[in-house]
Amino acid sequence: MDKQKGPLLYINSVTVINEKKESKSFNDNETLINEPPKQEKIPPKDEPIDNHENEEKDVVEDDHEEETPFNIFECRKLYNILAMYRKNRPVLCEIVTKNETIIGVPFQENSDVLSVKISEFENKDIPLSDIREINIIKF
């Protein structure tokens, strides 16, 4: 017998897809599907790698985060809290601003101002630009 490393059942319509050292993959479709492997571009060893562009981009992004600390996660959290208030499920929150910490129930957002119920008869308007963080106390 021949010492071939192939299948025991021979079918004429089978084609070999990939050949490696010890294994073969077979496909019984009529068309052969081959995708060339993706190759990464490697710079020559003589040229130094220039990472200054990436460093400048990172610095710019960090500055942008400092200017607008009220990020997307906090904004989404605020919209969910306001939606719960509209469904008669108020959420008690701790709102951290530049100058103070306010405990109350956010109930309305106008263009640049968040209205918060501090007590049953007292409301406070907080500019959205001053808000740093929103922590949920009681859901």
C-alpha atoms as a PDB file:
ATOM      1  CA  MET A   1       0.000   0.000   0.000  1.00  0.00           C
ATOM      2  CA  ASP A   2       0.958   3.568  -0.549  1.00  0.00           C
ATOM      3  CA  LYS A   3       1.807   5.610   2.499  1.00  0.00           C
ATOM      4  CA  GLN A   4      -0.135   8.741   1.554  1.00  0.00           C
ATOM      5  CA  LYS A   5      -1.629  11.068   4.111  1.00  0.00           C
ATOM      6  CA  GLY A   6      -4.943  11.480   2.324  1.00  0.00           C
ATOM      7  CA  PRO A   7      -8.546  10.480   2.922  1.00  0.00           C
ATOM      8  CA  LEU A   8      -9.545   6.836   2.875  1.00  0.00           C
ATOM      9  CA  LEU A   9     -12.478   7.529   0.538  1.00  0.00           C
ATOM     10  CA  TYR A  10     -11.456   8.856  -2.865  1.00  0.00           C
ATOM     11  CA  ILE A  11     -13.918  11.162  -4.606  1.00  0.00           C
ATOM     12  CA  ASN A  12     -13.061  12.661  -7.982  1.00  0.00           C
ATOM     13  CA  SER A  13     -14.896  15.951  -7.334  1.00  0.00           C
ATOM     14  CA  VAL A  14     -12.897  16.866  -4.236  1.00  0.00           C
ATOM     15  CA  THR A  15     -10.268  19.597  -4.577  1.00  0.00           C
ATOM     16  CA  VAL A  16      -7.521  20.551  -2.152  1.00  0.00           C
ATOM     17  CA  ILE A  17      -7.921  24.032  -0.612  1.00  0.00           C
ATOM     18  CA  ASN A  18      -4.861  24.536   1.591  1.00  0.00           C
ATOM     19  CA  GLU A  19      -1.754  22.461   1.873  1.00  0.00           C
ATOM     20  CA  LYS A  20       0.246  22.638   5.070  1.00  0.00           C
ATOM     21  CA  LYS A  21       2.977  20.384   6.385  1.00  0.00           C
ATOM     22  CA  GLU A  22       0.789  17.713   7.948  1.00  0.00           C
ATOM     23  CA  SER A  23      -2.820  18.623   7.156  1.00  0.00           C
ATOM     24  CA  LYS A  24      -4.998  19.134   4.107  1.00  0.00           C
ATOM     25  CA  SER A  25      -8.434  20.689   3.800  1.00  0.00           C
ATOM     26  CA  PHE A  26     -10.806  19.447   1.156  1.00  0.00           C
ATOM     27  CA  ASN A  27     -13.717  21.134  -0.577  1.00  0.00           C
ATOM     28  CA  ASP A  28     -16.303  19.304  -2.655  1.00  0.00           C
ATOM     29  CA  ASN A  29     -17.644  22.469  -4.280  1.00  0.00           C
ATOM     30  CA  GLU A  30     -16.861  23.048  -7.930  1.00  0.00           C
ATOM     31  CA  THR A  31     -15.205  26.410  -7.301  1.00  0.00           C
ATOM     32  CA  LEU A  32     -12.024  26.717  -5.343  1.00  0.00           C
ATOM     33  CA  ILE A  33     -12.142  29.490  -2.735  1.00  0.00           C
ATOM     34  CA  ASN A  34      -8.759  31.002  -1.983  1.00  0.00           C
ATOM     35  CA  GLU A  35      -8.190  34.230  -0.141  1.00  0.00           C
ATOM     36  CA  PRO A  36      -4.665  35.572  -0.081  1.00  0.00           C
ATOM     37  CA  PRO A  37      -3.351  36.043   3.450  1.00  0.00           C
ATOM     38  CA  LYS A  38      -3.304  39.614   4.686  1.00  0.00           C
ATOM     39  CA  GLN A  39       0.192  40.951   5.046  1.00  0.00           C
ATOM     40  CA  GLU A  40       1.169  43.806   7.304  1.00  0.00           C
ATOM     41  CA  LYS A  41       3.495  46.452   6.004  1.00  0.00           C
ATOM     42  CA  ILE A  42       6.751  46.278   7.911  1.00  0.00           C
ATOM     43  CA  PRO A  43       9.017  49.328   7.621  1.00  0.00           C
ATOM     44  CA  PRO A  44      12.610  48.663   6.609  1.00  0.00           C
ATOM     45  CA  LYS A  45      15.046  48.271   9.490  1.00  0.00           C
ATOM     46  CA  ASP A  46      17.098  51.260   8.351  1.00  0.00           C
ATOM     47  CA  GLU A  47      14.217  53.748   8.719  1.00  0.00           C
ATOM     48  CA  PRO A  48      13.279  54.882  12.242  1.00  0.00           C
ATOM     49  CA  ILE A  49       9.619  54.498  13.119  1.00  0.00           C
ATOM     50  CA  ASP A  50       7.920  57.884  13.424  1.00  0.00           C
ATOM     51  CA  ASN A  51       5.482  57.862  16.347  1.00  0.00           C
ATOM     52  CA  HIS A  52       5.259  61.641  16.753  1.00  0.00           C
ATOM     53  CA  GLU A  53       2.018  61.856  14.790  1.00  0.00           C
ATOM     54  CA  ASN A  54       0.290  59.404  17.134  1.00  0.00           C
ATOM     55  CA  GLU A  55       1.556  61.238  20.231  1.00  0.00           C
ATOM     56  CA  GLU A  56       0.181  64.554  18.995  1.00  0.00           C
ATOM     57  CA  LYS A  57      -3.225  62.998  18.321  1.00  0.00           C
ATOM     58  CA  ASP A  58      -3.305  61.525  21.837  1.00  0.00           C
ATOM     59  CA  VAL A  59      -2.495  64.902  23.370  1.00  0.00           C
ATOM     60  CA  VAL A  60      -5.259  66.604  21.391  1.00  0.00           C
ATOM     61  CA  GLU A  61      -7.805  63.973  22.468  1.00  0.00           C
ATOM     62  CA  ASP A  62      -6.803  64.356  26.128  1.00  0.00           C
ATOM     63  CA  ASP A  63      -7.271  68.134  25.935  1.00  0.00           C
ATOM     64  CA  HIS A  64     -10.705  67.646  24.406  1.00  0.00           C
ATOM     65  CA  GLU A  65     -11.727  65.374  27.287  1.00  0.00           C
ATOM     66  CA  GLU A  66     -10.721  68.053  29.800  1.00  0.00           C
ATOM     67  CA  GLU A  67     -12.808  70.677  28.003  1.00  0.00           C
ATOM     68  CA  THR A  68     -15.944  68.519  27.898  1.00  0.00           C
ATOM     69  CA  PRO A  69     -15.887  66.195  30.896  1.00  0.00           C
ATOM     70  CA  PHE A  70     -19.619  65.412  30.529  1.00  0.00           C
ATOM     71  CA  ASN A  71     -18.958  62.441  28.270  1.00  0.00           C
ATOM     72  CA  ILE A  72     -21.307  60.281  26.212  1.00  0.00           C
ATOM     73  CA  PHE A  73     -21.781  57.728  29.004  1.00  0.00           C
ATOM     74  CA  GLU A  74     -22.934  60.401  31.468  1.00  0.00           C
ATOM     75  CA  CYS A  75     -25.170  61.966  28.807  1.00  0.00           C
ATOM     76  CA  ARG A  76     -26.829  58.610  28.082  1.00  0.00           C
ATOM     77  CA  LYS A  77     -27.239  58.028  31.823  1.00  0.00           C
ATOM     78  CA  LEU A  78     -28.948  61.425  32.152  1.00  0.00           C
ATOM     79  CA  TYR A  79     -31.375  60.692  29.301  1.00  0.00           C
ATOM     80  CA  ASN A  80     -32.277  57.347  30.906  1.00  0.00           C
ATOM     81  CA  ILE A  81     -32.886  59.063  34.263  1.00  0.00           C
ATOM     82  CA  LEU A  82     -35.159  61.641  32.591  1.00  0.00           C
ATOM     83  CA  ALA A  83     -37.043  58.856  30.771  1.00  0.00           C
ATOM     84  CA  MET A  84     -37.633  57.085  34.096  1.00  0.00           C
ATOM     85  CA  TYR A  85     -39.007  60.336  35.577  1.00  0.00           C
ATOM     86  CA  ARG A  86     -41.455  60.636  32.663  1.00  0.00           C
ATOM     87  CA  LYS A  87     -42.616  57.065  33.450  1.00  0.00           C
ATOM     88  CA  ASN A  88     -43.360  58.145  37.069  1.00  0.00           C
ATOM     89  CA  ARG A  89     -40.215  56.400  38.380  1.00  0.00           C
ATOM     90  CA  PRO A  90     -38.064  59.263  39.765  1.00  0.00           C
ATOM     91  CA  VAL A  91     -34.395  58.501  40.355  1.00  0.00           C
ATOM     92  CA  LEU A  92     -32.544  60.141  43.259  1.00  0.00           C
ATOM     93  CA  CYS A  93     -29.111  61.267  42.069  1.00  0.00           C
ATOM     94  CA  GLU A  94     -25.988  62.985  43.268  1.00  0.00           C
ATOM     95  CA  ILE A  95     -24.936  65.540  40.652  1.00  0.00           C
ATOM     96  CA  VAL A  96     -21.325  66.692  40.902  1.00  0.00           C
ATOM     97  CA  THR A  97     -20.613  70.107  39.362  1.00  0.00           C
ATOM     98  CA  LYS A  98     -17.533  72.317  39.249  1.00  0.00           C
ATOM     99  CA  ASN A  99     -18.374  74.042  42.526  1.00  0.00           C
ATOM    100  CA  GLU A 100     -20.753  71.820  44.496  1.00  0.00           C
ATOM    101  CA  THR A 101     -22.526  68.500  44.880  1.00  0.00           C
ATOM    102  CA  ILE A 102     -26.320  68.517  44.551  1.00  0.00           C
ATOM    103  CA  ILE A 103     -28.635  65.715  45.668  1.00  0.00           C
ATOM    104  CA  GLY A 104     -32.009  65.649  43.951  1.00  0.00           C
ATOM    105  CA  VAL A 105     -34.214  64.226  41.206  1.00  0.00           C
ATOM    106  CA  PRO A 106     -33.497  65.416  37.641  1.00  0.00           C
ATOM    107  CA  PHE A 107     -36.810  65.963  35.873  1.00  0.00           C
ATOM    108  CA  GLN A 108     -36.296  68.184  32.840  1.00  0.00           C
ATOM    109  CA  GLU A 109     -33.580  69.201  30.411  1.00  0.00           C
ATOM    110  CA  ASN A 110     -33.841  72.416  28.457  1.00  0.00           C
ATOM    111  CA  SER A 111     -31.300  73.444  25.811  1.00  0.00           C
ATOM    112  CA  ASP A 112     -28.359  74.041  28.184  1.00  0.00           C
ATOM    113  CA  VAL A 113     -29.922  73.646  31.635  1.00  0.00           C
ATOM    114  CA  LEU A 114     -30.885  70.633  33.753  1.00  0.00           C
ATOM    115  CA  SER A 115     -33.758  71.148  36.205  1.00  0.00           C
ATOM    116  CA  VAL A 116     -33.441  69.203  39.463  1.00  0.00           C
ATOM    117  CA  LYS A 117     -35.982  68.836  42.285  1.00  0.00           C
ATOM    118  CA  ILE A 118     -34.071  69.381  45.506  1.00  0.00           C
ATOM    119  CA  SER A 119     -37.114  69.218  47.761  1.00  0.00           C
ATOM    120  CA  GLU A 120     -40.864  69.007  47.266  1.00  0.00           C
ATOM    121  CA  PHE A 121     -41.203  72.744  46.687  1.00  0.00           C
ATOM    122  CA  GLU A 122     -37.719  73.737  45.513  1.00  0.00           C
ATOM    123  CA  ASN A 123     -36.157  73.294  42.068  1.00  0.00           C
ATOM    124  CA  LYS A 124     -32.645  74.157  40.971  1.00  0.00           C
ATOM    125  CA  ASP A 125     -31.355  74.770  37.450  1.00  0.00           C
ATOM    126  CA  ILE A 126     -27.850  73.505  36.681  1.00  0.00           C
ATOM    127  CA  PRO A 127     -25.989  74.387  33.459  1.00  0.00           C
ATOM    128  CA  LEU A 128     -25.047  71.202  31.582  1.00  0.00           C
ATOM    129  CA  SER A 129     -21.555  72.572  30.984  1.00  0.00           C
ATOM    130  CA  ASP A 130     -20.910  72.602  34.772  1.00  0.00           C
ATOM    131  CA  ILE A 131     -21.901  68.954  35.352  1.00  0.00           C
ATOM    132  CA  ARG A 132     -18.931  66.637  35.905  1.00  0.00           C
ATOM    133  CA  GLU A 133     -20.580  63.411  37.076  1.00  0.00           C
ATOM    134  CA  ILE A 134     -23.989  61.908  37.873  1.00  0.00           C
ATOM    135  CA  ASN A 135     -24.212  59.182  40.526  1.00  0.00           C
ATOM    136  CA  ILE A 136     -27.455  57.279  41.105  1.00  0.00           C
ATOM    137  CA  ILE A 137     -28.277  57.035  44.814  1.00  0.00           C
ATOM    138  CA  LYS A 138     -31.683  55.335  44.758  1.00  0.00           C
ATOM    139  CA  PHE A 139     -33.443  53.794  41.806  1.00  0.00           C
END
